[in-house]
Amino acid sequence: MKLSLADLLFYAVAVATLATAAYAVFTRNIVRAVFSLLGTFFGMAILYGMLSADFVAVVQVLVYVGGILVLLLFAVMLTANIESARLSSPAAGWSWGLLAAVATGIILLPLALEAPWLQRELDVAGPGTATIGRSLLGNMLLPFEAVSVVLLGVVIGAVVVARLRRGGQDGEVQR
């Protein structure tokens, strides 16, 4: 089996992505964990791009790197004494996690080896960004907007639950 340069690059990016993800999981420093997620999210975007999933790659960068990761960075950086918090990332459950990972690997590895992987050249590329955009703003506009209304309701519900847990009554937040 001869690997091309593109295959080697793909595997190198995949290994780097897995390494940054593992570092994010196993480090005890929460600031380093958040910064290693940056490498993980960018690695996933590169892998999506290499697989010709341009829309998913751009959404990965915009949503995860541009939104979620920046939110995590602000939350971590604005938290007082985050470095001195010894219990912020306890390693108490790592043995159970390792056991679950090994069990999952034992189950999934034979399935992956026995699967009839179809390897052929694609004649025509799948739907691109323009096709997805026309679909979202065409016949899928109503479900797309319904999902946005549901997500808005979830955010409002989360704020209400958070205020109730903090002891606020009649719109007042206890400080």
Protein backbone atom coordinates (compact mmCIF):
# COMPACT_ATOMS: atom_id res chain seq x y z
CA MET A 1 0.00 0.00 0.00
CA LYS A 2 1.65 3.19 -1.20
CA LEU A 3 0.58 6.41 0.47
CA SER A 4 0.55 9.67 -1.42
CA LEU A 5 1.70 12.98 0.02
CA ALA A 6 -1.94 14.00 0.56
CA ASP A 7 -2.56 10.79 2.54
CA LEU A 8 0.51 11.38 4.70
CA LEU A 9 -0.56 14.97 5.34
CA PHE A 10 -4.07 13.82 6.25
CA TYR A 11 -2.74 11.28 8.74
CA ALA A 12 -0.30 13.81 10.21
CA VAL A 13 -3.11 16.33 10.77
CA ALA A 14 -5.31 13.57 12.24
CA VAL A 15 -2.59 12.52 14.70
CA ALA A 16 -1.94 16.15 15.69
CA THR A 17 -5.68 16.69 16.22
CA LEU A 18 -5.91 13.59 18.40
CA ALA A 19 -2.85 14.68 20.37
CA THR A 20 -4.28 18.12 21.12
CA ALA A 21 -7.63 16.56 22.06
CA ALA A 22 -5.91 14.11 24.42
CA TYR A 23 -3.93 16.94 25.97
CA ALA A 24 -7.16 18.90 26.53
CA VAL A 25 -8.66 15.91 28.32
CA PHE A 26 -5.69 14.85 30.43
CA THR A 27 -4.16 18.16 31.50
CA ARG A 28 -4.98 19.50 34.94
CA ASN A 29 -4.47 23.12 33.90
CA ILE A 30 -7.79 24.42 32.59
CA VAL A 31 -6.20 27.32 30.71
CA ARG A 32 -3.94 24.92 28.80
CA ALA A 33 -6.92 22.65 28.15
CA VAL A 34 -8.89 25.47 26.54
CA PHE A 35 -5.92 26.52 24.42
CA SER A 36 -5.35 22.94 23.28
CA LEU A 37 -8.98 22.85 22.17
CA LEU A 38 -7.97 25.55 19.73
CA GLY A 39 -5.63 23.08 18.05
CA THR A 40 -8.29 20.39 18.12
CA PHE A 41 -10.95 22.58 16.51
CA PHE A 42 -8.58 23.89 13.84
CA GLY A 43 -7.38 20.35 13.15
CA MET A 44 -10.96 19.21 12.63
CA ALA A 45 -11.56 22.11 10.25
CA ILE A 46 -8.45 21.15 8.26
CA LEU A 47 -9.59 17.53 8.09
CA TYR A 48 -13.03 18.59 6.88
CA GLY A 49 -11.41 20.77 4.24
CA MET A 50 -9.19 17.91 3.09
CA LEU A 51 -12.30 15.73 2.75
CA SER A 52 -13.93 18.36 0.47
CA ALA A 53 -16.53 19.29 3.06
CA ASP A 54 -15.99 23.02 2.64
CA PHE A 55 -19.23 24.08 4.31
CA VAL A 56 -18.58 21.98 7.40
CA ALA A 57 -14.99 23.25 7.59
CA VAL A 58 -16.10 26.89 7.51
CA VAL A 59 -18.87 26.24 10.05
CA GLN A 60 -16.30 24.49 12.27
CA VAL A 61 -14.10 27.59 12.26
CA LEU A 62 -16.96 30.08 12.63
CA VAL A 63 -19.00 28.29 15.28
CA TYR A 64 -16.47 26.36 17.33
CA VAL A 65 -13.35 28.50 17.05
CA GLY A 66 -15.09 31.84 16.61
CA GLY A 67 -17.91 31.27 19.06
CA ILE A 68 -17.58 28.50 21.57
CA LEU A 69 -13.81 28.64 22.05
CA VAL A 70 -13.79 32.42 22.45
CA LEU A 71 -16.61 32.09 24.99
CA LEU A 72 -14.61 29.47 26.90
CA LEU A 73 -11.51 31.66 26.80
CA PHE A 74 -13.40 34.64 28.19
CA ALA A 75 -15.01 32.48 30.88
CA VAL A 76 -11.68 31.03 31.96
CA MET A 77 -9.76 34.30 31.77
CA LEU A 78 -12.41 36.27 33.68
CA THR A 79 -12.73 33.70 36.45
CA ALA A 80 -10.87 34.85 39.53
CA ASN A 81 -8.03 32.63 40.76
CA ILE A 82 -8.59 29.94 38.14
CA GLU A 83 -4.96 28.85 38.34
CA SER A 84 -5.12 28.29 42.09
CA ALA A 85 -8.26 26.15 41.91
CA ARG A 86 -6.94 22.64 42.51
CA LEU A 87 -10.33 20.99 42.07
CA SER A 88 -11.17 22.58 38.73
CA SER A 89 -10.04 19.50 36.84
CA PRO A 90 -9.96 16.50 39.15
CA ALA A 91 -8.47 13.29 37.85
CA ALA A 92 -10.61 11.04 40.04
CA GLY A 93 -12.44 9.29 37.21
CA TRP A 94 -9.55 8.69 34.82
CA SER A 95 -9.39 4.96 35.55
CA TRP A 96 -13.08 4.51 34.72
CA GLY A 97 -12.63 6.61 31.60
CA LEU A 98 -9.67 4.52 30.50
CA LEU A 99 -11.65 1.34 31.10
CA ALA A 100 -14.56 2.69 29.05
CA ALA A 101 -12.19 3.74 26.23
CA VAL A 102 -10.55 0.30 26.10
CA ALA A 103 -13.94 -1.44 26.13
CA THR A 104 -15.20 0.80 23.34
CA GLY A 105 -12.04 0.13 21.33
CA ILE A 106 -12.42 -3.63 21.80
CA ILE A 107 -15.98 -3.41 20.48
CA LEU A 108 -15.37 -0.99 17.59
CA LEU A 109 -12.02 -2.22 16.24
CA PRO A 110 -13.31 -5.57 14.92
CA LEU A 111 -16.29 -3.80 13.39
CA ALA A 112 -14.01 -1.32 11.62
CA LEU A 113 -11.74 -4.08 10.33
CA GLU A 114 -14.64 -6.18 9.01
CA ALA A 115 -16.59 -3.31 7.43
CA PRO A 116 -16.78 -3.35 3.62
CA TRP A 117 -15.20 0.06 3.02
CA LEU A 118 -16.07 1.30 -0.44
CA GLN A 119 -13.05 2.93 -2.02
CA ARG A 120 -13.66 4.54 -5.38
CA GLU A 121 -13.15 7.86 -7.04
CA LEU A 122 -16.11 10.21 -6.92
CA ASP A 123 -17.33 11.33 -10.30
CA VAL A 124 -19.18 14.41 -9.11
CA ALA A 125 -18.63 16.36 -5.91
CA GLY A 126 -21.44 16.38 -3.41
CA PRO A 127 -23.53 19.40 -2.58
CA GLY A 128 -21.40 22.45 -2.06
CA THR A 129 -21.90 25.60 -0.08
CA ALA A 130 -24.08 27.23 -2.73
CA THR A 131 -26.44 24.24 -2.85
CA ILE A 132 -26.70 24.10 0.93
CA GLY A 133 -27.36 27.86 1.09
CA ARG A 134 -30.13 27.66 -1.56
CA SER A 135 -31.68 24.74 0.34
CA LEU A 136 -31.56 26.55 3.70
CA LEU A 137 -33.09 29.70 2.27
CA GLY A 138 -35.51 27.87 -0.02
CA ASN A 139 -37.58 24.85 0.87
CA MET A 140 -35.89 24.37 4.28
CA LEU A 141 -36.41 27.94 5.50
CA LEU A 142 -39.33 27.14 7.81
CA PRO A 143 -37.58 24.25 9.66
CA PHE A 144 -34.38 26.34 9.83
CA GLU A 145 -36.22 29.23 11.48
CA ALA A 146 -38.16 26.84 13.75
CA VAL A 147 -34.86 25.49 15.06
CA SER A 148 -33.68 29.04 15.76
CA VAL A 149 -36.86 29.76 17.74
CA VAL A 150 -36.39 26.53 19.73
CA LEU A 151 -32.77 27.49 20.48
CA LEU A 152 -33.92 30.93 21.61
CA GLY A 153 -36.38 29.24 23.97
CA VAL A 154 -33.59 27.04 25.33
CA VAL A 155 -31.41 30.07 26.03
CA ILE A 156 -34.26 31.90 27.77
CA GLY A 157 -35.04 28.78 29.81
CA ALA A 158 -31.39 28.44 30.84
CA VAL A 159 -31.33 32.04 32.02
CA VAL A 160 -34.54 31.55 34.02
CA VAL A 161 -33.23 28.36 35.64
CA ALA A 162 -29.90 30.03 36.46
CA ARG A 163 -31.67 32.99 38.06
CA LEU A 164 -33.93 30.73 40.12
CA ARG A 165 -30.97 28.71 41.39
CA ARG A 166 -29.18 31.89 42.45
CA GLY A 167 -32.15 32.81 44.63
CA GLY A 168 -33.68 35.57 42.52
CA GLN A 169 -37.34 36.33 43.02
CA ASP A 170 -39.61 38.46 40.85
CA GLY A 171 -36.82 39.28 38.42
CA GLU A 172 -34.35 40.25 41.14
CA VAL A 173 -30.97 38.59 41.27
CA GLN A 174 -29.39 38.07 44.67
CA ARG A 175 -25.83 39.35 44.89
